[in-house]
Amino acid sequence: MANHSPAPRRRGAARTDALLQVTLELAAEVGYAGLSIEAIARRAEVGKHTIYRRWPSKTALLLDALNRAWLTDLDYRDTGDLRSDLREQFLRSTSALTGSPIGPVYRAVIAEAQSDPALRETLHQRFLRTAEHSTLERVTRAQQAGELRADADLAFAAEVLCGALYYRHLLTTLPVDESAVDGLLDMFMAAYATR
């Protein structure tokens, strides 16, 4: 007779990964407004208390899920060639933001944030600021290496670099393709690169 004992329960990192994945999948299906901790718990086959011990709200859980998916393998490389590193990162980020599951979920969160100031602030702190900070760190290293002008205001530059691509992706029908990324980087390097 076959043994039908239940599968071992997931613990720690494996449980966290599973919950974050389920959250993204469900959010892609039902949107931000339709998402609930109860539905996530049912899909993941865990108790609500398991989720609430780690995340105080669906917003916190969803933003963690977006961060995990978006930032995994999307850290800046540092090859010593700033333009090449920025280009590679922006193209990978663009692919992540336009594909599933991140693209549809991110758009839904952005839309919801327009009428929810607390969500907008959380989104900025937990998601957008992370992207700007990563970009700032990379361009700062390039400045220290002499690739960029010593007097450049890199905090503003990092915001513009990230913001231009987000603007095009979220608010226009224009593509965020290699041509757009190259045009943005050409302007940045023309303004800040050492000659």
Protein backbone atom coordinates (compact mmCIF):
# COMPACT_ATOMS: atom_id res chain seq x y z
CA MET A 1 0.00 0.00 0.00
CA ALA A 2 1.40 3.41 -0.98
CA ASN A 3 2.38 5.84 1.71
CA HIS A 4 0.23 8.99 1.42
CA SER A 5 1.84 11.03 4.17
CA PRO A 6 1.64 14.78 3.64
CA ALA A 7 4.53 16.59 2.03
CA PRO A 8 6.94 18.13 4.51
CA ARG A 9 6.11 21.70 5.43
CA ARG A 10 8.28 24.42 3.96
CA ARG A 11 10.32 26.44 6.39
CA GLY A 12 12.25 29.68 6.42
CA ALA A 13 13.54 30.92 3.09
CA ALA A 14 11.63 28.32 1.05
CA ARG A 15 8.32 29.36 2.62
CA THR A 16 9.11 33.04 2.08
CA ASP A 17 9.98 32.44 -1.58
CA ALA A 18 6.78 30.46 -2.09
CA LEU A 19 4.62 33.16 -0.47
CA LEU A 20 6.23 35.92 -2.55
CA GLN A 21 5.74 33.92 -5.76
CA VAL A 22 2.10 33.16 -4.95
CA THR A 23 1.54 36.85 -4.16
CA LEU A 24 2.85 37.93 -7.57
CA GLU A 25 0.88 35.27 -9.43
CA LEU A 26 -2.36 36.14 -7.67
CA ALA A 27 -1.82 39.89 -8.06
CA ALA A 28 -1.29 39.39 -11.80
CA GLU A 29 -4.63 37.55 -11.94
CA VAL A 30 -6.83 39.77 -9.78
CA GLY A 31 -5.01 43.12 -9.61
CA TYR A 32 -4.04 45.09 -6.53
CA ALA A 33 -7.60 45.91 -5.48
CA GLY A 34 -8.67 42.25 -5.70
CA LEU A 35 -5.69 40.94 -3.77
CA SER A 36 -6.16 39.87 -0.14
CA ILE A 37 -4.13 38.17 2.55
CA GLU A 38 -6.87 35.54 2.80
CA ALA A 39 -6.62 34.67 -0.90
CA ILE A 40 -2.83 34.53 -0.73
CA ALA A 41 -2.99 32.24 2.32
CA ARG A 42 -5.46 29.90 0.56
CA ARG A 43 -3.35 29.72 -2.60
CA ALA A 44 -0.13 29.16 -0.65
CA GLU A 45 -1.84 26.67 1.70
CA VAL A 46 -0.74 28.46 4.86
CA GLY A 47 -2.60 30.13 7.68
CA LYS A 48 -3.19 33.88 7.60
CA HIS A 49 -1.18 34.17 10.82
CA THR A 50 1.87 32.83 8.95
CA ILE A 51 1.67 35.83 6.61
CA TYR A 52 0.76 38.41 9.25
CA ARG A 53 3.77 37.41 11.36
CA ARG A 54 6.02 38.69 8.57
CA TRP A 55 3.93 41.31 6.76
CA PRO A 56 1.47 43.73 8.36
CA SER A 57 -0.54 44.26 5.16
CA LYS A 58 -1.02 43.10 1.60
CA THR A 59 0.86 46.21 0.46
CA ALA A 60 3.97 45.27 2.41
CA LEU A 61 3.78 41.70 1.13
CA LEU A 62 3.23 42.73 -2.48
CA LEU A 63 6.07 45.25 -2.43
CA ASP A 64 8.40 42.61 -0.96
CA ALA A 65 7.32 40.27 -3.75
CA LEU A 66 7.97 42.93 -6.39
CA ASN A 67 11.33 43.79 -4.86
CA ARG A 68 12.42 40.17 -4.72
CA ALA A 69 11.41 39.48 -8.31
CA TRP A 70 12.74 42.73 -9.71
CA LEU A 71 16.02 42.94 -7.83
CA THR A 72 16.99 39.28 -8.17
CA ASP A 73 19.87 39.15 -10.66
CA LEU A 74 19.33 42.82 -11.54
CA ASP A 75 22.12 44.32 -9.47
CA TYR A 76 24.51 46.53 -11.35
CA ARG A 77 27.62 44.88 -12.61
CA ASP A 78 30.85 46.86 -12.32
CA THR A 79 33.02 46.08 -15.33
CA GLY A 80 34.83 49.40 -15.18
CA ASP A 81 32.80 50.69 -18.16
CA LEU A 82 29.98 52.80 -16.73
CA ARG A 83 28.00 53.26 -19.94
CA SER A 84 28.05 49.55 -20.65
CA ASP A 85 27.00 48.67 -17.09
CA LEU A 86 24.15 51.21 -17.11
CA ARG A 87 22.98 49.98 -20.51
CA GLU A 88 22.94 46.36 -19.44
CA GLN A 89 21.06 47.15 -16.24
CA PHE A 90 18.48 49.38 -17.90
CA LEU A 91 17.76 46.80 -20.59
CA ARG A 92 17.36 44.04 -17.99
CA SER A 93 15.14 46.27 -15.84
CA THR A 94 13.04 47.20 -18.85
CA SER A 95 12.57 43.55 -19.71
CA ALA A 96 11.49 42.81 -16.14
CA LEU A 97 9.07 45.77 -16.03
CA THR A 98 7.40 44.89 -19.32
CA GLY A 99 7.15 41.15 -18.72
CA SER A 100 5.08 39.00 -16.44
CA PRO A 101 4.61 38.84 -13.54
CA ILE A 102 6.22 42.15 -12.60
CA GLY A 103 4.89 44.38 -15.38
CA PRO A 104 1.13 43.99 -14.85
CA VAL A 105 1.43 43.98 -11.06
CA TYR A 106 3.66 47.06 -11.00
CA ARG A 107 1.24 48.97 -13.24
CA ALA A 108 -1.67 48.01 -10.98
CA VAL A 109 0.18 49.19 -7.87
CA ILE A 110 1.13 52.47 -9.55
CA ALA A 111 -2.50 53.05 -10.54
CA GLU A 112 -3.75 52.32 -7.02
CA ALA A 113 -1.08 54.59 -5.51
CA GLN A 114 -2.50 57.62 -7.30
CA SER A 115 -5.49 57.65 -4.93
CA ASP A 116 -3.68 56.23 -1.89
CA PRO A 117 -1.01 58.58 -0.48
CA ALA A 118 0.24 55.99 2.02
CA LEU A 119 0.73 53.42 -0.74
CA ARG A 120 2.47 56.04 -2.90
CA GLU A 121 4.89 56.83 -0.09
CA THR A 122 5.52 53.15 0.61
CA LEU A 123 6.06 52.47 -3.08
CA HIS A 124 8.58 55.29 -3.27
CA GLN A 125 10.46 54.23 -0.15
CA ARG A 126 10.52 50.50 -0.82
CA PHE A 127 10.74 50.28 -4.60
CA LEU A 128 11.63 53.45 -6.48
CA ARG A 129 14.19 54.69 -3.96
CA THR A 130 15.90 51.28 -4.15
CA ALA A 131 16.32 51.64 -7.91
CA GLU A 132 17.60 55.21 -7.58
CA HIS A 133 20.00 54.23 -4.79
CA SER A 134 21.46 51.35 -6.83
CA THR A 135 21.96 53.67 -9.78
CA LEU A 136 23.50 56.34 -7.55
CA GLU A 137 25.94 53.84 -6.05
CA ARG A 138 27.09 52.73 -9.52
CA VAL A 139 27.56 56.24 -10.90
CA THR A 140 29.29 57.35 -7.69
CA ARG A 141 31.83 54.54 -8.10
CA ALA A 142 32.38 55.72 -11.66
CA GLN A 143 32.88 59.29 -10.43
CA GLN A 144 35.43 58.09 -7.87
CA ALA A 145 37.21 56.20 -10.66
CA GLY A 146 37.42 59.38 -12.73
CA GLU A 147 34.87 58.39 -15.40
CA LEU A 148 32.50 61.22 -14.44
CA ARG A 149 33.08 64.87 -13.60
CA ALA A 150 33.97 65.41 -9.95
CA ASP A 151 31.46 68.29 -9.65
CA ALA A 152 28.48 66.35 -11.04
CA ASP A 153 25.30 66.22 -8.91
CA LEU A 154 24.90 62.48 -9.16
CA ALA A 155 21.86 62.18 -6.89
CA PHE A 156 19.82 64.22 -9.34
CA ALA A 157 21.37 62.43 -12.30
CA ALA A 158 20.41 59.02 -10.88
CA GLU A 159 16.84 60.22 -10.36
CA VAL A 160 16.66 61.46 -13.95
CA LEU A 161 18.19 58.28 -15.36
CA CYS A 162 15.64 56.09 -13.60
CA GLY A 163 12.75 58.51 -13.97
CA ALA A 164 13.03 58.90 -17.73
CA LEU A 165 12.61 55.19 -18.31
CA TYR A 166 9.78 54.83 -15.78
CA TYR A 167 7.97 57.79 -17.34
CA ARG A 168 8.18 56.31 -20.82
CA HIS A 169 7.16 52.86 -19.60
CA LEU A 170 4.25 53.89 -17.38
CA LEU A 171 2.78 56.99 -19.02
CA THR A 172 3.37 56.71 -22.76
CA THR A 173 2.95 54.20 -25.55
CA LEU A 174 6.53 54.78 -26.68
CA PRO A 175 8.80 51.74 -26.44
CA VAL A 176 11.51 51.45 -23.84
CA ASP A 177 13.91 49.74 -26.19
CA GLU A 178 17.62 49.80 -26.97
CA SER A 179 17.23 53.04 -28.90
CA ALA A 180 15.57 54.79 -25.93
CA VAL A 181 18.17 53.48 -23.48
CA ASP A 182 21.04 54.48 -25.79
CA GLY A 183 19.60 57.97 -26.29
CA LEU A 184 19.27 58.50 -22.55
CA LEU A 185 22.80 57.25 -21.88
CA ASP A 186 24.25 59.38 -24.68
CA MET A 187 22.76 62.48 -23.03
CA PHE A 188 24.00 61.42 -19.60
CA MET A 189 27.54 60.70 -20.76
CA ALA A 190 27.68 63.91 -22.81
CA ALA A 191 26.72 65.89 -19.71
CA TYR A 192 28.82 64.14 -17.06
CA ALA A 193 31.63 62.07 -18.56
CA THR A 194 35.16 63.33 -18.26
CA ARG A 195 36.69 64.20 -21.58
